[in-house]
Amino acid sequence: MKGEVILSERKQEKRNDDNHNDSFAPFISPNPVTSFNPVQRYPKIDKTAFISPFCSVIGDVRIKDNVYVAPNVSIRADEGTPFYIGSNTNLQDGVILHGLVNKRFPVGGKGYSIFIGNKVSVAHGALIHGPCYIGNNTFVGFKSIVYNAIVGEGTFIAYNAVVTNGVRIAPNRFVPPGANIDTQEKANALRRVPADGEEFARDVQRVNQEFPASYHLLFGSHRCSCGMPYGH
């Protein structure tokens, strides 16, 4: 009797192990058909990118190589569209990407609701709302908001800051914690990123660039959402 109980428990553990990753797969889907987005478009995700469990990626979203998307990230191109996320960028836990319909910034001859460049770090709980452009090597701090703005490369946006109202931030500028950059005059007055900020941003990049390959090894082939595989 005791042996049968142990055997039953082992079988249950195996079933749990087999189902573990599928049970918590990300939701990857085309956008729904609406009057303002009448064509369904699927996300395009590079096979080297990693989309964590509990994430949503919806609509016309291009995710480039070695991008890391942490748990509970929402990338929802069902209204404003398209989105672009560049190589080696990381979106950390709880980040939200959404955009307003028919509001875009031009990049390389094409309009984007959200364009995020290469080697960008978007820290926990930040909101990126289109239309917006975020240049290469930018750091967006914890619970910050970027909406209707152009952020130059190498910028460091500290925690709880807001960048909005159509401002353009020059490259390599520092947005202080809790700042509200809602006029061009405020944007023009920003000082350059201090050395410790640059070092912190580099360290965050270094850590997060290891995650996609490492998580692929951990999860193996369990990288599907509702029967729609990605990265193959």
C-alpha atoms as a PDB file:
ATOM      1  CA  MET A   1       0.000   0.000   0.000  1.00  0.00           C
ATOM      2  CA  LYS A   2       2.779   2.399   0.951  1.00  0.00           C
ATOM      3  CA  GLY A   3       4.608   1.602  -2.306  1.00  0.00           C
ATOM      4  CA  GLU A   4       1.467   2.328  -4.331  1.00  0.00           C
ATOM      5  CA  VAL A   5       1.071   5.709  -2.622  1.00  0.00           C
ATOM      6  CA  ILE A   6       4.703   6.636  -3.357  1.00  0.00           C
ATOM      7  CA  LEU A   7       4.313   5.539  -6.996  1.00  0.00           C
ATOM      8  CA  SER A   8       1.128   7.590  -7.333  1.00  0.00           C
ATOM      9  CA  GLU A   9       2.848  10.653  -5.861  1.00  0.00           C
ATOM     10  CA  ARG A  10       5.757  10.265  -8.289  1.00  0.00           C
ATOM     11  CA  LYS A  11       3.374  10.026 -11.245  1.00  0.00           C
ATOM     12  CA  GLN A  12       1.611  13.180 -10.098  1.00  0.00           C
ATOM     13  CA  GLU A  13       4.946  14.986  -9.711  1.00  0.00           C
ATOM     14  CA  LYS A  14       5.903  13.976 -13.253  1.00  0.00           C
ATOM     15  CA  ARG A  15       2.573  15.249 -14.590  1.00  0.00           C
ATOM     16  CA  ASN A  16       3.127  18.517 -12.759  1.00  0.00           C
ATOM     17  CA  ASP A  17       6.643  18.804 -14.201  1.00  0.00           C
ATOM     18  CA  ASP A  18       5.393  18.034 -17.722  1.00  0.00           C
ATOM     19  CA  ASN A  19       2.639  20.650 -17.483  1.00  0.00           C
ATOM     20  CA  HIS A  20       4.517  23.297 -15.537  1.00  0.00           C
ATOM     21  CA  ASN A  21       5.829  25.409 -18.385  1.00  0.00           C
ATOM     22  CA  ASP A  22       2.775  25.029 -20.627  1.00  0.00           C
ATOM     23  CA  SER A  23       0.500  26.121 -17.790  1.00  0.00           C
ATOM     24  CA  PHE A  24       2.216  29.462 -17.477  1.00  0.00           C
ATOM     25  CA  ALA A  25       3.080  30.205 -21.099  1.00  0.00           C
ATOM     26  CA  PRO A  26       2.912  33.777 -22.413  1.00  0.00           C
ATOM     27  CA  PHE A  27      -0.104  34.933 -24.426  1.00  0.00           C
ATOM     28  CA  ILE A  28       1.028  35.729 -27.966  1.00  0.00           C
ATOM     29  CA  SER A  29      -1.741  36.756 -30.318  1.00  0.00           C
ATOM     30  CA  PRO A  30      -2.729  38.882 -33.301  1.00  0.00           C
ATOM     31  CA  ASN A  31      -4.697  42.040 -32.641  1.00  0.00           C
ATOM     32  CA  PRO A  32      -8.489  41.794 -32.719  1.00  0.00           C
ATOM     33  CA  VAL A  33     -10.254  43.222 -35.768  1.00  0.00           C
ATOM     34  CA  THR A  34     -11.654  46.682 -35.066  1.00  0.00           C
ATOM     35  CA  SER A  35     -12.774  49.700 -37.081  1.00  0.00           C
ATOM     36  CA  PHE A  36      -9.383  51.362 -36.476  1.00  0.00           C
ATOM     37  CA  ASN A  37      -7.290  48.178 -36.945  1.00  0.00           C
ATOM     38  CA  PRO A  38      -9.177  46.134 -39.561  1.00  0.00           C
ATOM     39  CA  VAL A  39      -6.250  43.804 -40.388  1.00  0.00           C
ATOM     40  CA  GLN A  40      -4.970  41.169 -37.977  1.00  0.00           C
ATOM     41  CA  ARG A  41      -1.199  41.182 -37.607  1.00  0.00           C
ATOM     42  CA  TYR A  42       0.874  38.700 -35.624  1.00  0.00           C
ATOM     43  CA  PRO A  43       3.895  39.560 -33.511  1.00  0.00           C
ATOM     44  CA  LYS A  44       7.274  38.857 -35.115  1.00  0.00           C
ATOM     45  CA  ILE A  45       9.656  37.593 -32.463  1.00  0.00           C
ATOM     46  CA  ASP A  46      13.266  36.680 -33.131  1.00  0.00           C
ATOM     47  CA  LYS A  47      14.079  33.114 -32.095  1.00  0.00           C
ATOM     48  CA  THR A  48      16.822  34.335 -29.739  1.00  0.00           C
ATOM     49  CA  ALA A  49      14.459  36.622 -27.796  1.00  0.00           C
ATOM     50  CA  PHE A  50      12.830  35.264 -24.656  1.00  0.00           C
ATOM     51  CA  ILE A  51       9.249  36.042 -23.644  1.00  0.00           C
ATOM     52  CA  SER A  52       8.666  35.050 -20.022  1.00  0.00           C
ATOM     53  CA  PRO A  53       5.558  33.360 -18.611  1.00  0.00           C
ATOM     54  CA  PHE A  54       2.567  35.561 -17.728  1.00  0.00           C
ATOM     55  CA  CYS A  55       3.351  38.053 -20.530  1.00  0.00           C
ATOM     56  CA  SER A  56       1.100  39.322 -23.318  1.00  0.00           C
ATOM     57  CA  VAL A  57       2.378  40.211 -26.792  1.00  0.00           C
ATOM     58  CA  ILE A  58      -0.459  41.289 -29.073  1.00  0.00           C
ATOM     59  CA  GLY A  59      -0.576  42.647 -32.607  1.00  0.00           C
ATOM     60  CA  ASP A  60       1.995  44.204 -34.917  1.00  0.00           C
ATOM     61  CA  VAL A  61       5.022  43.964 -32.632  1.00  0.00           C
ATOM     62  CA  ARG A  62       8.584  43.382 -33.884  1.00  0.00           C
ATOM     63  CA  ILE A  63      10.920  41.992 -31.229  1.00  0.00           C
ATOM     64  CA  LYS A  64      14.540  41.710 -32.320  1.00  0.00           C
ATOM     65  CA  ASP A  65      17.384  39.413 -31.281  1.00  0.00           C
ATOM     66  CA  ASN A  66      18.357  38.734 -27.674  1.00  0.00           C
ATOM     67  CA  VAL A  67      15.489  40.758 -26.222  1.00  0.00           C
ATOM     68  CA  TYR A  68      14.478  39.755 -22.699  1.00  0.00           C
ATOM     69  CA  VAL A  69      10.851  40.240 -21.661  1.00  0.00           C
ATOM     70  CA  ALA A  70      10.396  39.550 -17.939  1.00  0.00           C
ATOM     71  CA  PRO A  71       7.232  38.138 -16.305  1.00  0.00           C
ATOM     72  CA  ASN A  72       4.000  40.171 -16.246  1.00  0.00           C
ATOM     73  CA  VAL A  73       4.941  42.454 -19.131  1.00  0.00           C
ATOM     74  CA  SER A  74       2.092  43.662 -21.379  1.00  0.00           C
ATOM     75  CA  ILE A  75       2.974  44.575 -24.981  1.00  0.00           C
ATOM     76  CA  ARG A  76      -0.406  45.421 -26.490  1.00  0.00           C
ATOM     77  CA  ALA A  77      -0.482  46.784 -30.033  1.00  0.00           C
ATOM     78  CA  ASP A  78      -4.249  46.531 -30.422  1.00  0.00           C
ATOM     79  CA  GLU A  79      -4.862  50.291 -30.637  1.00  0.00           C
ATOM     80  CA  GLY A  80      -1.719  52.257 -31.444  1.00  0.00           C
ATOM     81  CA  THR A  81       0.507  50.246 -33.779  1.00  0.00           C
ATOM     82  CA  PRO A  82       3.144  49.128 -34.779  1.00  0.00           C
ATOM     83  CA  PHE A  83       5.694  48.580 -31.996  1.00  0.00           C
ATOM     84  CA  TYR A  84       9.415  47.938 -32.452  1.00  0.00           C
ATOM     85  CA  ILE A  85      11.773  46.608 -29.763  1.00  0.00           C
ATOM     86  CA  GLY A  86      15.447  46.598 -30.732  1.00  0.00           C
ATOM     87  CA  SER A  87      18.271  44.135 -30.143  1.00  0.00           C
ATOM     88  CA  ASN A  88      19.510  43.405 -26.604  1.00  0.00           C
ATOM     89  CA  THR A  89      16.723  45.432 -25.017  1.00  0.00           C
ATOM     90  CA  ASN A  90      15.128  44.277 -21.769  1.00  0.00           C
ATOM     91  CA  LEU A  91      11.631  44.956 -20.474  1.00  0.00           C
ATOM     92  CA  GLN A  92      11.516  44.135 -16.790  1.00  0.00           C
ATOM     93  CA  ASP A  93       8.695  42.855 -14.592  1.00  0.00           C
ATOM     94  CA  GLY A  94       5.385  44.674 -14.904  1.00  0.00           C
ATOM     95  CA  VAL A  95       6.335  46.966 -17.796  1.00  0.00           C
ATOM     96  CA  ILE A  96       3.396  48.104 -19.957  1.00  0.00           C
ATOM     97  CA  LEU A  97       3.553  49.097 -23.637  1.00  0.00           C
ATOM     98  CA  HIS A  98       0.425  50.567 -25.229  1.00  0.00           C
ATOM     99  CA  GLY A  99      -0.304  53.341 -27.721  1.00  0.00           C
ATOM    100  CA  LEU A 100      -2.961  55.771 -28.909  1.00  0.00           C
ATOM    101  CA  VAL A 101      -4.624  55.040 -32.212  1.00  0.00           C
ATOM    102  CA  ASN A 102      -3.180  56.858 -35.264  1.00  0.00           C
ATOM    103  CA  LYS A 103      -0.466  58.633 -33.257  1.00  0.00           C
ATOM    104  CA  ARG A 104       3.037  57.827 -34.511  1.00  0.00           C
ATOM    105  CA  PHE A 105       6.598  59.090 -34.782  1.00  0.00           C
ATOM    106  CA  PRO A 106       8.486  58.513 -38.069  1.00  0.00           C
ATOM    107  CA  VAL A 107      11.602  56.323 -37.926  1.00  0.00           C
ATOM    108  CA  GLY A 108      13.435  55.400 -41.133  1.00  0.00           C
ATOM    109  CA  GLY A 109      10.505  56.345 -43.333  1.00  0.00           C
ATOM    110  CA  LYS A 110       7.939  54.366 -41.319  1.00  0.00           C
ATOM    111  CA  GLY A 111       5.606  55.497 -38.571  1.00  0.00           C
ATOM    112  CA  TYR A 112       5.726  53.762 -35.182  1.00  0.00           C
ATOM    113  CA  SER A 113       3.432  54.027 -32.195  1.00  0.00           C
ATOM    114  CA  ILE A 114       6.321  52.843 -30.018  1.00  0.00           C
ATOM    115  CA  PHE A 115       9.924  52.549 -31.162  1.00  0.00           C
ATOM    116  CA  ILE A 116      12.478  51.292 -28.631  1.00  0.00           C
ATOM    117  CA  GLY A 117      16.071  51.107 -29.815  1.00  0.00           C
ATOM    118  CA  ASN A 118      18.928  48.716 -29.066  1.00  0.00           C
ATOM    119  CA  LYS A 119      20.326  48.034 -25.594  1.00  0.00           C
ATOM    120  CA  VAL A 120      17.498  49.823 -23.809  1.00  0.00           C
ATOM    121  CA  SER A 121      16.592  48.878 -20.232  1.00  0.00           C
ATOM    122  CA  VAL A 122      13.028  49.531 -19.096  1.00  0.00           C
ATOM    123  CA  ALA A 123      12.917  48.864 -15.355  1.00  0.00           C
ATOM    124  CA  HIS A 124      10.193  47.319 -13.222  1.00  0.00           C
ATOM    125  CA  GLY A 125       6.734  48.815 -13.448  1.00  0.00           C
ATOM    126  CA  ALA A 126       7.453  51.480 -16.070  1.00  0.00           C
ATOM    127  CA  LEU A 127       4.797  52.620 -18.557  1.00  0.00           C
ATOM    128  CA  ILE A 128       5.803  53.266 -22.170  1.00  0.00           C
ATOM    129  CA  HIS A 129       2.807  54.748 -23.983  1.00  0.00           C
ATOM    130  CA  GLY A 130       2.799  55.667 -27.635  1.00  0.00           C
ATOM    131  CA  PRO A 131       3.422  57.748 -29.444  1.00  0.00           C
ATOM    132  CA  CYS A 132       7.006  57.644 -28.244  1.00  0.00           C
ATOM    133  CA  TYR A 133      10.547  57.050 -29.406  1.00  0.00           C
ATOM    134  CA  ILE A 134      13.305  55.802 -27.102  1.00  0.00           C
ATOM    135  CA  GLY A 135      16.847  55.841 -28.470  1.00  0.00           C
ATOM    136  CA  ASN A 136      19.627  53.276 -28.093  1.00  0.00           C
ATOM    137  CA  ASN A 137      21.321  52.685 -24.735  1.00  0.00           C
ATOM    138  CA  THR A 138      18.595  54.459 -22.749  1.00  0.00           C
ATOM    139  CA  PHE A 139      17.620  53.529 -19.193  1.00  0.00           C
ATOM    140  CA  VAL A 140      14.003  54.034 -18.112  1.00  0.00           C
ATOM    141  CA  GLY A 141      13.713  53.796 -14.331  1.00  0.00           C
ATOM    142  CA  PHE A 142      11.332  52.037 -12.005  1.00  0.00           C
ATOM    143  CA  LYS A 143       7.676  53.160 -12.336  1.00  0.00           C
ATOM    144  CA  SER A 144       8.530  55.946 -14.745  1.00  0.00           C
ATOM    145  CA  ILE A 145       6.202  57.081 -17.532  1.00  0.00           C
ATOM    146  CA  VAL A 146       7.216  57.964 -21.079  1.00  0.00           C
ATOM    147  CA  TYR A 147       4.308  59.191 -23.223  1.00  0.00           C
ATOM    148  CA  ASN A 148       4.239  61.362 -26.344  1.00  0.00           C
ATOM    149  CA  ALA A 149       7.962  62.024 -26.236  1.00  0.00           C
ATOM    150  CA  ILE A 150      11.220  61.534 -28.123  1.00  0.00           C
ATOM    151  CA  VAL A 151      14.039  60.362 -25.877  1.00  0.00           C
ATOM    152  CA  GLY A 152      17.566  60.654 -27.246  1.00  0.00           C
ATOM    153  CA  GLU A 153      20.076  57.817 -27.000  1.00  0.00           C
ATOM    154  CA  GLY A 154      22.017  57.310 -23.799  1.00  0.00           C
ATOM    155  CA  THR A 155      19.411  59.092 -21.673  1.00  0.00           C
ATOM    156  CA  PHE A 156      18.937  58.017 -18.045  1.00  0.00           C
ATOM    157  CA  ILE A 157      15.373  58.430 -16.738  1.00  0.00           C
ATOM    158  CA  ALA A 158      15.373  57.885 -12.976  1.00  0.00           C
ATOM    159  CA  TYR A 159      12.606  56.258 -10.936  1.00  0.00           C
ATOM    160  CA  ASN A 160       9.081  57.750 -10.756  1.00  0.00           C
ATOM    161  CA  ALA A 161       9.848  60.349 -13.437  1.00  0.00           C
ATOM    162  CA  VAL A 162       7.423  61.466 -16.170  1.00  0.00           C
ATOM    163  CA  VAL A 163       8.445  62.481 -19.700  1.00  0.00           C
ATOM    164  CA  THR A 164       5.518  63.695 -21.788  1.00  0.00           C
ATOM    165  CA  ASN A 165       3.704  66.440 -23.702  1.00  0.00           C
ATOM    166  CA  GLY A 166       5.670  66.142 -26.934  1.00  0.00           C
ATOM    167  CA  VAL A 167       9.086  66.933 -25.467  1.00  0.00           C
ATOM    168  CA  ARG A 168      12.358  65.993 -27.144  1.00  0.00           C
ATOM    169  CA  ILE A 169      15.186  65.000 -24.848  1.00  0.00           C
ATOM    170  CA  ALA A 170      18.683  65.401 -26.240  1.00  0.00           C
ATOM    171  CA  PRO A 171      21.088  62.427 -26.099  1.00  0.00           C
ATOM    172  CA  ASN A 172      22.851  61.512 -22.854  1.00  0.00           C
ATOM    173  CA  ARG A 173      20.621  63.558 -20.559  1.00  0.00           C
ATOM    174  CA  PHE A 174      19.688  62.748 -16.950  1.00  0.00           C
ATOM    175  CA  VAL A 175      16.050  62.950 -15.808  1.00  0.00           C
ATOM    176  CA  PRO A 176      16.076  63.151 -11.979  1.00  0.00           C
ATOM    177  CA  PRO A 177      13.923  60.949  -9.716  1.00  0.00           C
ATOM    178  CA  GLY A 178      10.304  62.097  -9.653  1.00  0.00           C
ATOM    179  CA  ALA A 179      10.850  64.818 -12.254  1.00  0.00           C
ATOM    180  CA  ASN A 180       7.977  65.906 -14.492  1.00  0.00           C
ATOM    181  CA  ILE A 181       9.456  66.820 -17.875  1.00  0.00           C
ATOM    182  CA  ASP A 182       6.403  68.234 -19.636  1.00  0.00           C
ATOM    183  CA  THR A 183       7.804  71.295 -21.428  1.00  0.00           C
ATOM    184  CA  GLN A 184      10.623  71.682 -23.883  1.00  0.00           C
ATOM    185  CA  GLU A 185      12.184  74.272 -21.602  1.00  0.00           C
ATOM    186  CA  LYS A 186      12.500  71.639 -18.843  1.00  0.00           C
ATOM    187  CA  ALA A 187      13.879  69.111 -21.329  1.00  0.00           C
ATOM    188  CA  ASN A 188      16.510  71.574 -22.577  1.00  0.00           C
ATOM    189  CA  ALA A 189      17.664  72.276 -19.021  1.00  0.00           C
ATOM    190  CA  LEU A 190      18.517  68.649 -18.224  1.00  0.00           C
ATOM    191  CA  ARG A 191      22.162  67.982 -17.404  1.00  0.00           C
ATOM    192  CA  ARG A 192      24.239  65.146 -18.809  1.00  0.00           C
ATOM    193  CA  VAL A 193      24.121  61.670 -17.298  1.00  0.00           C
ATOM    194  CA  PRO A 194      26.587  61.436 -14.386  1.00  0.00           C
ATOM    195  CA  ALA A 195      29.283  58.754 -14.415  1.00  0.00           C
ATOM    196  CA  ASP A 196      27.566  56.608 -11.783  1.00  0.00           C
ATOM    197  CA  GLY A 197      24.361  56.627 -13.832  1.00  0.00           C
ATOM    198  CA  GLU A 198      26.217  55.472 -16.923  1.00  0.00           C
ATOM    199  CA  GLU A 199      27.860  52.708 -14.918  1.00  0.00           C
ATOM    200  CA  PHE A 200      24.543  51.578 -13.437  1.00  0.00           C
ATOM    201  CA  ALA A 201      22.906  51.457 -16.874  1.00  0.00           C
ATOM    202  CA  ARG A 202      25.816  49.388 -18.257  1.00  0.00           C
ATOM    203  CA  ASP A 203      25.564  46.938 -15.355  1.00  0.00           C
ATOM    204  CA  VAL A 204      21.823  46.486 -15.912  1.00  0.00           C
ATOM    205  CA  GLN A 205      22.462  45.827 -19.594  1.00  0.00           C
ATOM    206  CA  ARG A 206      25.222  43.327 -18.868  1.00  0.00           C
ATOM    207  CA  VAL A 207      23.030  41.304 -16.522  1.00  0.00           C
ATOM    208  CA  ASN A 208      19.920  41.288 -18.706  1.00  0.00           C
ATOM    209  CA  GLN A 209      21.734  40.376 -21.913  1.00  0.00           C
ATOM    210  CA  GLU A 210      22.531  36.993 -20.369  1.00  0.00           C
ATOM    211  CA  PHE A 211      18.924  36.164 -19.579  1.00  0.00           C
ATOM    212  CA  PRO A 212      17.480  35.228 -23.014  1.00  0.00           C
ATOM    213  CA  ALA A 213      19.929  32.396 -23.727  1.00  0.00           C
ATOM    214  CA  SER A 214      19.902  31.214 -20.107  1.00  0.00           C
ATOM    215  CA  TYR A 215      16.108  31.082 -19.915  1.00  0.00           C
ATOM    216  CA  HIS A 216      15.923  29.261 -23.252  1.00  0.00           C
ATOM    217  CA  LEU A 217      18.121  26.552 -21.737  1.00  0.00           C
ATOM    218  CA  LEU A 218      15.959  26.440 -18.626  1.00  0.00           C
ATOM    219  CA  PHE A 219      12.613  26.221 -20.452  1.00  0.00           C
ATOM    220  CA  GLY A 220      13.699  24.102 -23.407  1.00  0.00           C
ATOM    221  CA  SER A 221      10.977  23.745 -26.035  1.00  0.00           C
ATOM    222  CA  HIS A 222       8.155  24.999 -23.787  1.00  0.00           C
ATOM    223  CA  ARG A 223       7.775  28.356 -25.501  1.00  0.00           C
ATOM    224  CA  CYS A 224       4.220  28.453 -26.809  1.00  0.00           C
ATOM    225  CA  SER A 225       1.079  30.458 -26.232  1.00  0.00           C
ATOM    226  CA  CYS A 226      -2.387  29.081 -26.867  1.00  0.00           C
ATOM    227  CA  GLY A 227      -0.975  26.704 -29.481  1.00  0.00           C
ATOM    228  CA  MET A 228       0.858  29.440 -31.403  1.00  0.00           C
ATOM    229  CA  PRO A 229       4.604  28.857 -31.197  1.00  0.00           C
ATOM    230  CA  TYR A 230       7.141  31.609 -31.619  1.00  0.00           C
ATOM    231  CA  GLY A 231      10.818  31.645 -32.444  1.00  0.00           C
ATOM    232  CA  HIS A 232      10.682  28.728 -34.870  1.00  0.00           C
END
